[in-house]
Amino acid sequence: MASRRPDVLDYPTGTTVLRIFQAILSVIIIIVLSFTVGSGIFAGNGLMLFTSSATLAISLWMVMAHISLAHLYNYWAGLSLDIFLLVFWIISVAVLASQTAFLWGASNDICRERNCPDAFKDATQFSGYFFAAIAGLGGIEFIFSCIFLIFHVIMGLRQRRYNRIGIEIESGTMETHPKHLEEPTEYNHLMPERT
């Protein structure tokens, strides 16, 4: 995508489309998460809800900065926010996956030892399916975050290398020339003499 300003990096053409997909996927995660919040708020639910909401806001900001509002773009803010998303997605997926493992593993063991009602078994199994789906979607979001972080680093290094073209890295002595010629400057006509 051609930049409108010199400080906006030239990302590959599909980057904006991937950002839009990331925003749509975060909306899907928020919608699916809203079904599980009614049954109980766990650490994984809250963390995943925060991370997907932050992803939605950051993705929309980057899409708008690349499509039409170039004055909103800031390389360092985008890089730091992509690092933030990468860290939070891996933490969110890990916490939610551990909750899913507990719902499927420990709740089945508890129900074997004690006589649990069928409604409890169905509820834990249903919540486990939702948590597993959300953890899978979070894994896809983590992959998107990795891709965008790699794009940021590559484009930043290219821009840095491009900006250094023509700059001498090693400084040397400068040769100075006199401001005025030392020879006298007389008018010499170019026409040959008449005889």
N, C-alpha and C. Protein backbone atom coordinates (compact mmCIF):
# COMPACT_ATOMS: atom_id res chain seq x y z
N MET A 1 0.85 -1.17 0.00
CA MET A 1 0.00 0.00 0.00
C MET A 1 0.90 1.23 0.00
N ALA A 2 0.65 2.11 -0.93
CA ALA A 2 1.47 3.31 -1.03
C ALA A 2 1.11 4.28 0.09
N SER A 3 2.13 4.78 0.72
CA SER A 3 1.88 5.69 1.84
C SER A 3 1.66 7.11 1.34
N ARG A 4 0.88 7.86 2.07
CA ARG A 4 0.59 9.24 1.72
C ARG A 4 1.60 10.19 2.37
N ARG A 5 2.29 9.70 3.34
CA ARG A 5 3.28 10.51 4.04
C ARG A 5 4.57 9.70 4.13
N PRO A 6 5.71 10.36 4.22
CA PRO A 6 6.96 9.60 4.26
C PRO A 6 7.16 8.83 5.56
N ASP A 7 6.49 9.22 6.66
CA ASP A 7 6.69 8.51 7.91
C ASP A 7 5.73 7.34 8.09
N VAL A 8 4.79 7.13 7.16
CA VAL A 8 3.92 5.96 7.19
C VAL A 8 4.60 4.87 6.39
N LEU A 9 4.84 3.74 7.01
CA LEU A 9 5.57 2.67 6.35
C LEU A 9 4.74 2.03 5.25
N ASP A 10 5.41 1.53 4.23
CA ASP A 10 4.74 0.81 3.14
C ASP A 10 4.62 -0.65 3.52
N TYR A 11 3.47 -1.02 4.07
CA TYR A 11 3.22 -2.40 4.44
C TYR A 11 2.79 -3.17 3.20
N PRO A 12 2.91 -4.50 3.23
CA PRO A 12 2.41 -5.28 2.10
C PRO A 12 0.91 -5.02 1.88
N THR A 13 0.45 -5.30 0.68
CA THR A 13 -0.91 -4.96 0.29
C THR A 13 -1.96 -5.64 1.16
N GLY A 14 -1.76 -6.87 1.54
CA GLY A 14 -2.77 -7.60 2.30
C GLY A 14 -2.80 -7.30 3.77
N THR A 15 -1.95 -6.42 4.25
CA THR A 15 -1.89 -6.15 5.68
C THR A 15 -3.19 -5.52 6.19
N THR A 16 -3.74 -4.60 5.44
CA THR A 16 -4.99 -3.97 5.86
C THR A 16 -6.14 -4.97 5.87
N VAL A 17 -6.15 -5.87 4.90
CA VAL A 17 -7.19 -6.90 4.86
C VAL A 17 -7.05 -7.83 6.05
N LEU A 18 -5.82 -8.19 6.40
CA LEU A 18 -5.60 -9.05 7.58
C LEU A 18 -6.01 -8.33 8.86
N ARG A 19 -5.77 -7.03 8.93
CA ARG A 19 -6.21 -6.27 10.11
C ARG A 19 -7.74 -6.27 10.21
N ILE A 20 -8.42 -6.16 9.08
CA ILE A 20 -9.88 -6.21 9.09
C ILE A 20 -10.35 -7.59 9.55
N PHE A 21 -9.70 -8.65 9.06
CA PHE A 21 -10.05 -10.01 9.53
C PHE A 21 -9.80 -10.16 11.02
N GLN A 22 -8.72 -9.56 11.51
CA GLN A 22 -8.43 -9.63 12.94
C GLN A 22 -9.52 -8.92 13.74
N ALA A 23 -9.99 -7.79 13.26
CA ALA A 23 -11.07 -7.07 13.95
C ALA A 23 -12.36 -7.87 13.93
N ILE A 24 -12.68 -8.49 12.79
CA ILE A 24 -13.89 -9.31 12.71
C ILE A 24 -13.79 -10.51 13.63
N LEU A 25 -12.62 -11.14 13.68
CA LEU A 25 -12.43 -12.29 14.56
C LEU A 25 -12.53 -11.90 16.03
N SER A 26 -12.06 -10.72 16.37
CA SER A 26 -12.19 -10.28 17.77
C SER A 26 -13.65 -9.99 18.12
N VAL A 27 -14.44 -9.50 17.16
CA VAL A 27 -15.88 -9.32 17.40
C VAL A 27 -16.55 -10.67 17.61
N ILE A 28 -16.17 -11.67 16.82
CA ILE A 28 -16.73 -13.02 16.99
C ILE A 28 -16.37 -13.58 18.36
N ILE A 29 -15.13 -13.35 18.79
CA ILE A 29 -14.72 -13.84 20.11
C ILE A 29 -15.53 -13.15 21.21
N ILE A 30 -15.77 -11.86 21.08
CA ILE A 30 -16.56 -11.14 22.09
C ILE A 30 -17.98 -11.69 22.13
N ILE A 31 -18.56 -11.98 20.96
CA ILE A 31 -19.92 -12.51 20.92
C ILE A 31 -19.99 -13.89 21.55
N VAL A 32 -19.04 -14.76 21.21
CA VAL A 32 -19.05 -16.11 21.78
C VAL A 32 -18.76 -16.06 23.27
N LEU A 33 -17.90 -15.15 23.69
CA LEU A 33 -17.60 -15.01 25.12
C LEU A 33 -18.81 -14.53 25.90
N SER A 34 -19.65 -13.76 25.27
CA SER A 34 -20.82 -13.25 25.99
C SER A 34 -21.77 -14.37 26.40
N PHE A 35 -21.74 -15.51 25.70
CA PHE A 35 -22.56 -16.64 26.10
C PHE A 35 -22.04 -17.30 27.37
N THR A 36 -20.73 -17.25 27.60
CA THR A 36 -20.17 -17.92 28.77
C THR A 36 -20.13 -17.02 30.00
N VAL A 37 -20.21 -15.71 29.82
CA VAL A 37 -20.14 -14.80 30.96
C VAL A 37 -21.36 -14.96 31.85
N GLY A 38 -22.50 -15.32 31.28
CA GLY A 38 -23.72 -15.50 32.08
C GLY A 38 -23.62 -16.65 33.05
N SER A 39 -22.86 -17.68 32.70
CA SER A 39 -22.74 -18.83 33.61
C SER A 39 -21.74 -18.57 34.72
N GLY A 40 -20.84 -17.68 34.53
CA GLY A 40 -19.85 -17.37 35.56
C GLY A 40 -18.67 -16.66 34.95
N ILE A 41 -18.12 -15.74 35.70
CA ILE A 41 -16.95 -15.02 35.21
C ILE A 41 -15.71 -15.65 35.83
N PHE A 42 -14.86 -16.15 34.97
CA PHE A 42 -13.60 -16.75 35.39
C PHE A 42 -12.47 -15.83 34.97
N ALA A 43 -11.28 -16.17 35.39
CA ALA A 43 -10.13 -15.34 35.01
C ALA A 43 -9.90 -15.35 33.50
N GLY A 44 -10.07 -16.51 32.90
CA GLY A 44 -9.88 -16.62 31.45
C GLY A 44 -10.90 -15.83 30.66
N ASN A 45 -12.15 -15.83 31.15
CA ASN A 45 -13.20 -15.06 30.47
C ASN A 45 -12.86 -13.57 30.47
N GLY A 46 -12.56 -13.05 31.63
CA GLY A 46 -12.28 -11.63 31.74
C GLY A 46 -11.06 -11.21 30.96
N LEU A 47 -10.01 -12.02 31.05
CA LEU A 47 -8.78 -11.70 30.33
C LEU A 47 -8.99 -11.77 28.82
N MET A 48 -9.71 -12.78 28.38
CA MET A 48 -9.98 -12.92 26.95
C MET A 48 -10.89 -11.79 26.46
N LEU A 49 -11.84 -11.38 27.28
CA LEU A 49 -12.73 -10.28 26.91
C LEU A 49 -11.94 -8.97 26.78
N PHE A 50 -11.04 -8.72 27.73
CA PHE A 50 -10.19 -7.53 27.67
C PHE A 50 -9.28 -7.57 26.44
N THR A 51 -8.66 -8.72 26.20
CA THR A 51 -7.71 -8.82 25.09
C THR A 51 -8.41 -8.68 23.75
N SER A 52 -9.57 -9.30 23.60
CA SER A 52 -10.27 -9.18 22.32
C SER A 52 -10.81 -7.77 22.11
N SER A 53 -11.23 -7.10 23.18
CA SER A 53 -11.67 -5.71 23.04
C SER A 53 -10.51 -4.79 22.67
N ALA A 54 -9.36 -5.01 23.29
CA ALA A 54 -8.17 -4.23 22.95
C ALA A 54 -7.74 -4.50 21.51
N THR A 55 -7.84 -5.76 21.08
CA THR A 55 -7.50 -6.10 19.70
C THR A 55 -8.42 -5.41 18.71
N LEU A 56 -9.70 -5.36 19.04
CA LEU A 56 -10.66 -4.68 18.17
C LEU A 56 -10.31 -3.20 18.04
N ALA A 57 -10.02 -2.55 19.15
CA ALA A 57 -9.69 -1.12 19.11
C ALA A 57 -8.38 -0.86 18.35
N ILE A 58 -7.37 -1.67 18.61
CA ILE A 58 -6.07 -1.47 17.96
C ILE A 58 -6.15 -1.77 16.47
N SER A 59 -6.87 -2.83 16.11
CA SER A 59 -7.01 -3.18 14.69
C SER A 59 -7.75 -2.09 13.92
N LEU A 60 -8.82 -1.57 14.50
CA LEU A 60 -9.56 -0.51 13.82
C LEU A 60 -8.71 0.76 13.70
N TRP A 61 -7.91 1.05 14.73
CA TRP A 61 -7.02 2.21 14.66
C TRP A 61 -6.00 2.06 13.53
N MET A 62 -5.39 0.87 13.43
CA MET A 62 -4.39 0.65 12.38
C MET A 62 -5.01 0.65 10.99
N VAL A 63 -6.22 0.08 10.86
CA VAL A 63 -6.89 0.09 9.55
C VAL A 63 -7.18 1.52 9.13
N MET A 64 -7.71 2.32 10.05
CA MET A 64 -8.02 3.71 9.71
C MET A 64 -6.75 4.51 9.42
N ALA A 65 -5.67 4.22 10.12
CA ALA A 65 -4.42 4.93 9.88
C ALA A 65 -3.82 4.58 8.52
N HIS A 66 -4.02 3.35 8.06
CA HIS A 66 -3.46 2.96 6.77
C HIS A 66 -4.38 3.30 5.60
N ILE A 67 -5.68 3.32 5.83
CA ILE A 67 -6.59 3.56 4.72
C ILE A 67 -6.76 5.06 4.45
N SER A 68 -7.16 5.81 5.46
CA SER A 68 -7.53 7.19 5.16
C SER A 68 -6.92 8.23 6.09
N LEU A 69 -6.75 7.92 7.33
CA LEU A 69 -6.30 8.93 8.30
C LEU A 69 -4.82 8.71 8.64
N ALA A 70 -3.95 9.11 7.73
CA ALA A 70 -2.52 8.86 7.91
C ALA A 70 -1.93 9.65 9.07
N HIS A 71 -2.57 10.73 9.48
CA HIS A 71 -2.03 11.51 10.61
C HIS A 71 -2.19 10.76 11.94
N LEU A 72 -3.00 9.71 11.97
CA LEU A 72 -3.13 8.91 13.19
C LEU A 72 -2.01 7.90 13.36
N TYR A 73 -1.23 7.68 12.30
CA TYR A 73 -0.22 6.62 12.33
C TYR A 73 1.00 7.03 13.15
N ASN A 74 1.47 6.08 13.96
CA ASN A 74 2.71 6.26 14.71
C ASN A 74 3.38 4.89 14.77
N TYR A 75 4.58 4.80 14.25
CA TYR A 75 5.26 3.51 14.16
C TYR A 75 5.50 2.91 15.53
N TRP A 76 6.02 3.70 16.45
CA TRP A 76 6.38 3.16 17.76
C TRP A 76 5.15 2.76 18.56
N ALA A 77 4.07 3.51 18.43
CA ALA A 77 2.83 3.13 19.11
C ALA A 77 2.29 1.83 18.54
N GLY A 78 2.31 1.70 17.22
CA GLY A 78 1.84 0.46 16.59
C GLY A 78 2.68 -0.74 16.98
N LEU A 79 4.00 -0.55 17.02
CA LEU A 79 4.88 -1.65 17.40
C LEU A 79 4.66 -2.06 18.85
N SER A 80 4.58 -1.09 19.74
CA SER A 80 4.39 -1.42 21.16
C SER A 80 3.02 -2.04 21.40
N LEU A 81 1.99 -1.58 20.71
CA LEU A 81 0.67 -2.18 20.87
C LEU A 81 0.60 -3.59 20.29
N ASP A 82 1.34 -3.85 19.21
CA ASP A 82 1.38 -5.22 18.69
C ASP A 82 2.12 -6.15 19.63
N ILE A 83 3.17 -5.67 20.28
CA ILE A 83 3.85 -6.48 21.30
C ILE A 83 2.92 -6.74 22.47
N PHE A 84 2.18 -5.72 22.88
CA PHE A 84 1.18 -5.86 23.95
C PHE A 84 0.15 -6.92 23.59
N LEU A 85 -0.37 -6.89 22.35
CA LEU A 85 -1.36 -7.88 21.93
C LEU A 85 -0.77 -9.28 21.88
N LEU A 86 0.46 -9.39 21.41
CA LEU A 86 1.10 -10.70 21.34
C LEU A 86 1.21 -11.32 22.73
N VAL A 87 1.66 -10.54 23.69
CA VAL A 87 1.82 -11.05 25.06
C VAL A 87 0.46 -11.40 25.67
N PHE A 88 -0.51 -10.52 25.49
CA PHE A 88 -1.81 -10.77 26.10
C PHE A 88 -2.56 -11.91 25.43
N TRP A 89 -2.37 -12.12 24.13
CA TRP A 89 -3.05 -13.26 23.49
C TRP A 89 -2.47 -14.58 23.96
N ILE A 90 -1.17 -14.66 24.13
CA ILE A 90 -0.60 -15.93 24.59
C ILE A 90 -1.02 -16.21 26.02
N ILE A 91 -1.10 -15.17 26.86
CA ILE A 91 -1.54 -15.36 28.24
C ILE A 91 -3.02 -15.74 28.28
N SER A 92 -3.84 -15.06 27.49
CA SER A 92 -5.28 -15.33 27.49
C SER A 92 -5.59 -16.74 27.02
N VAL A 93 -4.91 -17.16 25.97
CA VAL A 93 -5.14 -18.52 25.45
C VAL A 93 -4.70 -19.55 26.48
N ALA A 94 -3.58 -19.31 27.15
CA ALA A 94 -3.10 -20.26 28.15
C ALA A 94 -4.05 -20.36 29.33
N VAL A 95 -4.53 -19.23 29.83
CA VAL A 95 -5.45 -19.25 30.98
C VAL A 95 -6.77 -19.91 30.61
N LEU A 96 -7.30 -19.58 29.43
CA LEU A 96 -8.57 -20.16 29.02
C LEU A 96 -8.43 -21.65 28.71
N ALA A 97 -7.30 -22.05 28.17
CA ALA A 97 -7.09 -23.48 27.92
C ALA A 97 -6.99 -24.26 29.23
N SER A 98 -6.39 -23.66 30.24
CA SER A 98 -6.33 -24.35 31.54
C SER A 98 -7.72 -24.46 32.16
N GLN A 99 -8.55 -23.46 31.99
CA GLN A 99 -9.94 -23.55 32.48
C GLN A 99 -10.72 -24.61 31.71
N THR A 100 -10.48 -24.70 30.42
CA THR A 100 -11.16 -25.71 29.62
C THR A 100 -10.74 -27.10 30.06
N ALA A 101 -9.46 -27.28 30.32
CA ALA A 101 -8.99 -28.58 30.80
C ALA A 101 -9.61 -28.92 32.14
N PHE A 102 -9.77 -27.94 33.01
CA PHE A 102 -10.41 -28.20 34.29
C PHE A 102 -11.87 -28.58 34.10
N LEU A 103 -12.58 -27.86 33.24
CA LEU A 103 -14.00 -28.17 33.03
C LEU A 103 -14.20 -29.56 32.46
N TRP A 104 -13.34 -29.97 31.56
CA TRP A 104 -13.51 -31.29 30.96
C TRP A 104 -12.94 -32.40 31.83
N GLY A 105 -11.82 -32.12 32.46
CA GLY A 105 -11.17 -33.17 33.24
C GLY A 105 -11.68 -33.29 34.66
N ALA A 106 -11.55 -32.23 35.42
CA ALA A 106 -11.88 -32.29 36.84
C ALA A 106 -13.37 -32.44 37.08
N SER A 107 -14.18 -31.78 36.27
CA SER A 107 -15.62 -31.90 36.51
C SER A 107 -16.12 -33.30 36.20
N ASN A 108 -15.54 -33.97 35.24
CA ASN A 108 -15.93 -35.36 34.97
C ASN A 108 -15.48 -36.28 36.10
N ASP A 109 -14.30 -36.01 36.65
CA ASP A 109 -13.84 -36.82 37.78
C ASP A 109 -14.72 -36.61 39.01
N ILE A 110 -15.10 -35.36 39.26
CA ILE A 110 -15.97 -35.07 40.40
C ILE A 110 -17.32 -35.75 40.23
N CYS A 111 -17.84 -35.72 39.01
CA CYS A 111 -19.15 -36.33 38.78
C CYS A 111 -19.09 -37.85 38.83
N ARG A 112 -17.93 -38.44 38.59
CA ARG A 112 -17.81 -39.90 38.73
C ARG A 112 -17.82 -40.30 40.20
N GLU A 113 -17.11 -39.49 41.03
CA GLU A 113 -17.04 -39.82 42.45
C GLU A 113 -18.37 -39.54 43.15
N ARG A 114 -19.00 -38.47 42.80
CA ARG A 114 -20.28 -38.11 43.40
C ARG A 114 -21.35 -38.23 42.34
N ASN A 115 -22.52 -38.35 42.76
CA ASN A 115 -23.62 -38.47 41.83
C ASN A 115 -24.12 -37.07 41.47
N CYS A 116 -23.58 -36.50 40.38
CA CYS A 116 -23.95 -35.14 39.96
C CYS A 116 -25.22 -35.20 39.12
N PRO A 117 -26.00 -34.17 39.18
CA PRO A 117 -27.18 -34.13 38.31
C PRO A 117 -26.75 -33.99 36.85
N ASP A 118 -27.59 -34.46 35.97
CA ASP A 118 -27.27 -34.42 34.54
C ASP A 118 -27.16 -32.98 34.03
N ALA A 119 -27.90 -32.08 34.64
CA ALA A 119 -27.83 -30.68 34.21
C ALA A 119 -26.44 -30.10 34.46
N PHE A 120 -25.80 -30.49 35.58
CA PHE A 120 -24.45 -30.00 35.87
C PHE A 120 -23.46 -30.57 34.87
N LYS A 121 -23.60 -31.85 34.55
CA LYS A 121 -22.70 -32.46 33.56
C LYS A 121 -22.86 -31.78 32.20
N ASP A 122 -24.10 -31.54 31.82
CA ASP A 122 -24.34 -30.89 30.52
C ASP A 122 -23.82 -29.46 30.50
N ALA A 123 -24.00 -28.75 31.61
CA ALA A 123 -23.54 -27.36 31.67
C ALA A 123 -22.02 -27.28 31.60
N THR A 124 -21.31 -28.14 32.31
CA THR A 124 -19.85 -28.10 32.26
C THR A 124 -19.34 -28.54 30.90
N GLN A 125 -20.00 -29.51 30.30
CA GLN A 125 -19.57 -29.96 28.98
C GLN A 125 -19.83 -28.86 27.94
N PHE A 126 -20.99 -28.21 28.02
CA PHE A 126 -21.33 -27.13 27.10
C PHE A 126 -20.36 -25.95 27.26
N SER A 127 -20.08 -25.57 28.50
CA SER A 127 -19.12 -24.48 28.74
C SER A 127 -17.73 -24.87 28.27
N GLY A 128 -17.39 -26.13 28.43
CA GLY A 128 -16.09 -26.60 27.94
C GLY A 128 -15.96 -26.47 26.44
N TYR A 129 -17.04 -26.78 25.71
CA TYR A 129 -17.02 -26.61 24.26
C TYR A 129 -16.85 -25.14 23.87
N PHE A 130 -17.56 -24.27 24.56
CA PHE A 130 -17.42 -22.84 24.27
C PHE A 130 -16.02 -22.35 24.59
N PHE A 131 -15.48 -22.77 25.73
CA PHE A 131 -14.12 -22.35 26.09
C PHE A 131 -13.10 -22.88 25.10
N ALA A 132 -13.29 -24.11 24.64
CA ALA A 132 -12.36 -24.67 23.66
C ALA A 132 -12.44 -23.89 22.34
N ALA A 133 -13.65 -23.54 21.93
CA ALA A 133 -13.80 -22.75 20.69
C ALA A 133 -13.15 -21.38 20.83
N ILE A 134 -13.35 -20.75 21.98
CA ILE A 134 -12.76 -19.43 22.19
C ILE A 134 -11.24 -19.52 22.27
N ALA A 135 -10.73 -20.58 22.91
CA ALA A 135 -9.27 -20.75 22.98
C ALA A 135 -8.69 -20.97 21.58
N GLY A 136 -9.41 -21.71 20.73
CA GLY A 136 -8.96 -21.90 19.35
C GLY A 136 -8.95 -20.60 18.57
N LEU A 137 -10.01 -19.81 18.72
CA LEU A 137 -10.05 -18.51 18.05
C LEU A 137 -8.97 -17.58 18.60
N GLY A 138 -8.70 -17.68 19.89
CA GLY A 138 -7.62 -16.90 20.48
C GLY A 138 -6.26 -17.30 19.93
N GLY A 139 -6.09 -18.60 19.64
CA GLY A 139 -4.86 -19.05 19.01
C GLY A 139 -4.68 -18.45 17.62
N ILE A 140 -5.78 -18.33 16.89
CA ILE A 140 -5.71 -17.69 15.57
C ILE A 140 -5.35 -16.21 15.72
N GLU A 141 -5.93 -15.56 16.71
CA GLU A 141 -5.59 -14.15 16.98
C GLU A 141 -4.12 -14.01 17.37
N PHE A 142 -3.60 -14.97 18.11
CA PHE A 142 -2.18 -14.95 18.47
C PHE A 142 -1.32 -15.04 17.21
N ILE A 143 -1.72 -15.88 16.27
CA ILE A 143 -0.97 -16.00 15.01
C ILE A 143 -1.03 -14.68 14.23
N PHE A 144 -2.21 -14.04 14.21
CA PHE A 144 -2.32 -12.73 13.58
C PHE A 144 -1.38 -11.73 14.24
N SER A 145 -1.32 -11.75 15.57
CA SER A 145 -0.44 -10.82 16.28
C SER A 145 1.02 -11.07 15.94
N CYS A 146 1.41 -12.34 15.82
CA CYS A 146 2.79 -12.66 15.41
C CYS A 146 3.08 -12.13 14.02
N ILE A 147 2.13 -12.31 13.10
CA ILE A 147 2.32 -11.84 11.72
C ILE A 147 2.50 -10.32 11.69
N PHE A 148 1.66 -9.61 12.43
CA PHE A 148 1.75 -8.15 12.40
C PHE A 148 3.00 -7.65 13.09
N LEU A 149 3.45 -8.33 14.11
CA LEU A 149 4.70 -7.93 14.76
C LEU A 149 5.88 -8.14 13.80
N ILE A 150 5.87 -9.24 13.07
CA ILE A 150 6.92 -9.49 12.08
C ILE A 150 6.88 -8.43 10.99
N PHE A 151 5.67 -8.08 10.51
CA PHE A 151 5.54 -7.02 9.51
C PHE A 151 6.09 -5.70 10.03
N HIS A 152 5.77 -5.35 11.26
CA HIS A 152 6.26 -4.09 11.84
C HIS A 152 7.78 -4.07 11.87
N VAL A 153 8.38 -5.16 12.32
CA VAL A 153 9.84 -5.19 12.45
C VAL A 153 10.50 -5.12 11.07
N ILE A 154 10.00 -5.91 10.11
CA ILE A 154 10.60 -5.91 8.78
C ILE A 154 10.46 -4.55 8.11
N MET A 155 9.27 -3.98 8.17
CA MET A 155 9.06 -2.67 7.53
C MET A 155 9.85 -1.57 8.24
N GLY A 156 9.99 -1.66 9.55
CA GLY A 156 10.79 -0.68 10.27
C GLY A 156 12.26 -0.76 9.91
N LEU A 157 12.78 -1.99 9.77
CA LEU A 157 14.18 -2.14 9.38
C LEU A 157 14.41 -1.68 7.94
N ARG A 158 13.46 -1.97 7.06
CA ARG A 158 13.59 -1.49 5.68
C ARG A 158 13.59 0.05 5.63
N GLN A 159 12.69 0.66 6.38
CA GLN A 159 12.63 2.12 6.40
C GLN A 159 13.91 2.71 6.99
N ARG A 160 14.43 2.07 8.00
CA ARG A 160 15.68 2.55 8.61
C ARG A 160 16.83 2.46 7.62
N ARG A 161 16.89 1.32 6.90
CA ARG A 161 17.94 1.16 5.90
C ARG A 161 17.76 2.17 4.76
N TYR A 162 16.52 2.39 4.35
CA TYR A 162 16.24 3.35 3.29
C TYR A 162 16.63 4.77 3.70
N ASN A 163 16.38 5.13 4.93
CA ASN A 163 16.71 6.47 5.40
C ASN A 163 18.21 6.69 5.54
N ARG A 164 18.98 5.61 5.61
CA ARG A 164 20.42 5.75 5.79
C ARG A 164 21.17 5.78 4.46
N ILE A 165 20.48 5.69 3.34
CA ILE A 165 21.14 5.73 2.04
C ILE A 165 21.71 7.13 1.85
N GLY A 166 22.98 7.19 1.47
CA GLY A 166 23.62 8.47 1.23
C GLY A 166 24.29 9.07 2.45
N ILE A 167 24.12 8.46 3.58
CA ILE A 167 24.76 8.97 4.80
C ILE A 167 26.04 8.19 5.00
N GLU A 168 27.16 8.92 5.11
CA GLU A 168 28.42 8.24 5.37
C GLU A 168 28.46 7.81 6.82
N ILE A 169 28.80 6.57 7.03
CA ILE A 169 28.81 6.06 8.39
C ILE A 169 30.09 6.47 9.11
N GLU A 170 31.23 6.42 8.40
CA GLU A 170 32.50 6.82 9.01
C GLU A 170 32.78 8.27 8.64
N SER A 171 33.15 9.03 9.61
CA SER A 171 33.47 10.42 9.32
C SER A 171 34.95 10.54 8.98
N GLY A 172 35.24 11.35 8.03
CA GLY A 172 36.63 11.57 7.61
C GLY A 172 36.92 13.06 7.58
N THR A 173 38.12 13.38 7.14
CA THR A 173 38.48 14.80 7.06
C THR A 173 37.79 15.42 5.86
N MET A 174 37.39 16.64 6.03
CA MET A 174 36.75 17.37 4.93
C MET A 174 37.79 18.21 4.22
N GLU A 175 37.74 18.17 2.91
CA GLU A 175 38.63 19.02 2.14
C GLU A 175 37.93 20.35 1.93
N THR A 176 38.66 21.39 2.25
CA THR A 176 38.08 22.72 2.06
C THR A 176 38.76 23.39 0.87
N HIS A 177 37.99 24.10 0.12
CA HIS A 177 38.51 24.84 -1.02
C HIS A 177 38.41 26.32 -0.71
N PRO A 178 39.36 27.09 -1.23
CA PRO A 178 39.28 28.54 -0.96
C PRO A 178 38.04 29.14 -1.62
N LYS A 179 37.53 30.17 -1.00
CA LYS A 179 36.33 30.81 -1.53
C LYS A 179 36.62 31.56 -2.82
N HIS A 180 37.80 32.17 -2.91
CA HIS A 180 38.15 32.96 -4.09
C HIS A 180 39.34 32.31 -4.76
N LEU A 181 39.36 32.42 -6.06
CA LEU A 181 40.50 31.90 -6.80
C LEU A 181 41.71 32.77 -6.53
N GLU A 182 42.86 32.15 -6.46
CA GLU A 182 44.07 32.91 -6.17
C GLU A 182 44.63 33.56 -7.42
N GLU A 183 44.31 33.07 -8.60
CA GLU A 183 44.80 33.67 -9.84
C GLU A 183 43.95 34.90 -10.14
N PRO A 184 44.56 35.89 -10.77
CA PRO A 184 43.77 37.08 -11.13
C PRO A 184 42.75 36.72 -12.21
N THR A 185 41.65 37.29 -12.11
CA THR A 185 40.61 37.03 -13.11
C THR A 185 40.47 38.27 -13.98
N GLU A 186 41.08 38.24 -15.12
CA GLU A 186 41.01 39.34 -16.07
C GLU A 186 40.11 38.92 -17.21
N TYR A 187 39.57 39.95 -17.84
CA TYR A 187 38.73 39.67 -18.99
C TYR A 187 39.62 39.37 -20.18
N ASN A 188 39.46 38.22 -20.74
CA ASN A 188 40.17 37.84 -21.96
C ASN A 188 39.11 37.62 -23.03
N HIS A 189 39.20 38.44 -24.04
CA HIS A 189 38.20 38.26 -25.08
C HIS A 189 38.54 37.03 -25.89
N LEU A 190 37.56 36.45 -26.44
CA LEU A 190 37.76 35.20 -27.17
C LEU A 190 37.91 35.42 -28.67
N MET A 191 37.78 36.63 -29.12
CA MET A 191 37.88 36.89 -30.55
C MET A 191 39.35 37.02 -30.94
N PRO A 192 39.69 36.50 -32.09
CA PRO A 192 41.10 36.61 -32.53
C PRO A 192 41.45 38.06 -32.88
N GLU A 193 42.74 38.37 -32.78
CA GLU A 193 43.20 39.72 -33.07
C GLU A 193 43.19 39.97 -34.57
N ARG A 194 42.94 41.25 -34.99
CA ARG A 194 42.95 41.62 -36.40
C ARG A 194 44.34 42.10 -36.80
N THR A 195 44.71 41.71 -37.94
CA THR A 195 46.02 42.18 -38.42
C THR A 195 45.94 43.05 -39.62
